[in-house]
Amino acid sequence: MVLLPSTTLAEARVFAGQVRNAFAAKDFPLSGRHTVSVGVTQALPGETSDLACQRVDKALYAAKKQGKDCVVAL
């Protein structure tokens, strides 16, 4: 999990896309290339950290369901 204070949802999505691309470009000597799915959300005013984590978890599983190697923002 990465927390990005003072970052908009759009900015966090861009960052997540950059991480996804960098990971996909990395060649691991013993296992080759891999992909990563990323869920992104923005904490809502007054929301507990538990609720924010539940929403980002839903976003992650939505990314995996869409075929992996993507970013989903909720």
C-alpha atoms as a PDB file:
ATOM      1  CA  MET A   1       0.000   0.000   0.000  1.00  0.00           C
ATOM      2  CA  VAL A   2       1.203   3.474  -0.864  1.00  0.00           C
ATOM      3  CA  LEU A   3      -0.266   6.586   0.743  1.00  0.00           C
ATOM      4  CA  LEU A   4       0.037   9.804  -1.250  1.00  0.00           C
ATOM      5  CA  PRO A   5      -0.903  12.788   0.943  1.00  0.00           C
ATOM      6  CA  SER A   6      -2.064  15.965  -0.799  1.00  0.00           C
ATOM      7  CA  THR A   7      -2.621  14.037  -4.033  1.00  0.00           C
ATOM      8  CA  THR A   8      -5.788  14.021  -6.113  1.00  0.00           C
ATOM      9  CA  LEU A   9      -7.359  10.784  -7.277  1.00  0.00           C
ATOM     10  CA  ALA A  10      -6.321  11.618 -10.854  1.00  0.00           C
ATOM     11  CA  GLU A  11      -2.716  12.197  -9.777  1.00  0.00           C
ATOM     12  CA  ALA A  12      -2.697   8.958  -7.780  1.00  0.00           C
ATOM     13  CA  ARG A  13      -4.018   7.085 -10.809  1.00  0.00           C
ATOM     14  CA  VAL A  14      -1.198   8.497 -12.957  1.00  0.00           C
ATOM     15  CA  PHE A  15       1.362   7.489 -10.322  1.00  0.00           C
ATOM     16  CA  ALA A  16      -0.122   3.982 -10.146  1.00  0.00           C
ATOM     17  CA  GLY A  17       0.103   3.726 -13.933  1.00  0.00           C
ATOM     18  CA  GLN A  18       3.766   4.695 -13.814  1.00  0.00           C
ATOM     19  CA  VAL A  19       4.432   2.037 -11.179  1.00  0.00           C
ATOM     20  CA  ARG A  20       2.553  -0.541 -13.255  1.00  0.00           C
ATOM     21  CA  ASN A  21       4.545   0.346 -16.378  1.00  0.00           C
ATOM     22  CA  ALA A  22       7.895   0.282 -14.557  1.00  0.00           C
ATOM     23  CA  PHE A  23       7.112  -3.111 -13.056  1.00  0.00           C
ATOM     24  CA  ALA A  24       6.064  -4.533 -16.429  1.00  0.00           C
ATOM     25  CA  ALA A  25       9.317  -3.304 -17.984  1.00  0.00           C
ATOM     26  CA  LYS A  26      11.470  -5.038 -15.353  1.00  0.00           C
ATOM     27  CA  ASP A  27      12.989  -8.352 -16.403  1.00  0.00           C
ATOM     28  CA  PHE A  28      13.461 -10.657 -13.432  1.00  0.00           C
ATOM     29  CA  PRO A  29      16.470 -12.925 -14.104  1.00  0.00           C
ATOM     30  CA  LEU A  30      14.882 -16.130 -12.825  1.00  0.00           C
ATOM     31  CA  SER A  31      11.265 -15.649 -13.849  1.00  0.00           C
ATOM     32  CA  GLY A  32      11.117 -13.125 -16.687  1.00  0.00           C
ATOM     33  CA  ARG A  33       8.571 -10.333 -16.901  1.00  0.00           C
ATOM     34  CA  HIS A  34       5.522  -9.937 -14.690  1.00  0.00           C
ATOM     35  CA  THR A  35       2.541  -7.636 -14.398  1.00  0.00           C
ATOM     36  CA  VAL A  36       0.825  -5.892 -11.520  1.00  0.00           C
ATOM     37  CA  SER A  37      -2.758  -4.852 -10.905  1.00  0.00           C
ATOM     38  CA  VAL A  38      -3.390  -1.698  -8.890  1.00  0.00           C
ATOM     39  CA  GLY A  39      -6.392  -0.363  -6.999  1.00  0.00           C
ATOM     40  CA  VAL A  40      -6.568   3.371  -6.313  1.00  0.00           C
ATOM     41  CA  THR A  41      -8.921   5.399  -4.147  1.00  0.00           C
ATOM     42  CA  GLN A  42      -9.018   8.693  -2.316  1.00  0.00           C
ATOM     43  CA  ALA A  43      -9.936   8.902   1.355  1.00  0.00           C
ATOM     44  CA  LEU A  44     -13.191  10.754   1.806  1.00  0.00           C
ATOM     45  CA  PRO A  45     -13.640  13.470   4.441  1.00  0.00           C
ATOM     46  CA  GLY A  46     -14.556  11.884   7.768  1.00  0.00           C
ATOM     47  CA  GLU A  47     -13.957   8.357   6.456  1.00  0.00           C
ATOM     48  CA  THR A  48     -12.124   5.857   8.649  1.00  0.00           C
ATOM     49  CA  SER A  49      -8.940   4.247   7.379  1.00  0.00           C
ATOM     50  CA  ASP A  50     -10.719   0.873   7.483  1.00  0.00           C
ATOM     51  CA  LEU A  51     -13.389   2.056   5.033  1.00  0.00           C
ATOM     52  CA  ALA A  52     -10.789   3.556   2.706  1.00  0.00           C
ATOM     53  CA  CYS A  53      -8.867   0.253   2.774  1.00  0.00           C
ATOM     54  CA  GLN A  54     -12.052  -1.677   1.956  1.00  0.00           C
ATOM     55  CA  ARG A  55     -12.675   0.558  -1.068  1.00  0.00           C
ATOM     56  CA  VAL A  56      -9.116   0.279  -2.372  1.00  0.00           C
ATOM     57  CA  ASP A  57      -9.320  -3.494  -1.922  1.00  0.00           C
ATOM     58  CA  LYS A  58     -12.468  -3.513  -4.085  1.00  0.00           C
ATOM     59  CA  ALA A  59     -10.604  -1.488  -6.703  1.00  0.00           C
ATOM     60  CA  LEU A  60      -7.705  -3.962  -6.660  1.00  0.00           C
ATOM     61  CA  TYR A  61      -9.998  -6.945  -7.162  1.00  0.00           C
ATOM     62  CA  ALA A  62     -11.818  -5.091  -9.948  1.00  0.00           C
ATOM     63  CA  ALA A  63      -8.444  -4.590 -11.662  1.00  0.00           C
ATOM     64  CA  LYS A  64      -7.681  -8.288 -11.354  1.00  0.00           C
ATOM     65  CA  LYS A  65     -11.130  -9.206 -12.681  1.00  0.00           C
ATOM     66  CA  GLN A  66     -10.623  -6.953 -15.725  1.00  0.00           C
ATOM     67  CA  GLY A  67      -7.766  -9.152 -16.864  1.00  0.00           C
ATOM     68  CA  LYS A  68      -4.945  -7.966 -14.626  1.00  0.00           C
ATOM     69  CA  ASP A  69      -2.109  -5.574 -15.556  1.00  0.00           C
ATOM     70  CA  CYS A  70      -4.269  -2.484 -15.117  1.00  0.00           C
ATOM     71  CA  VAL A  71      -5.188   0.320 -12.747  1.00  0.00           C
ATOM     72  CA  VAL A  72      -8.731   0.736 -11.412  1.00  0.00           C
ATOM     73  CA  ALA A  73      -9.737   3.821  -9.444  1.00  0.00           C
ATOM     74  CA  LEU A  74     -12.840   3.984  -7.262  1.00  0.00           C
END
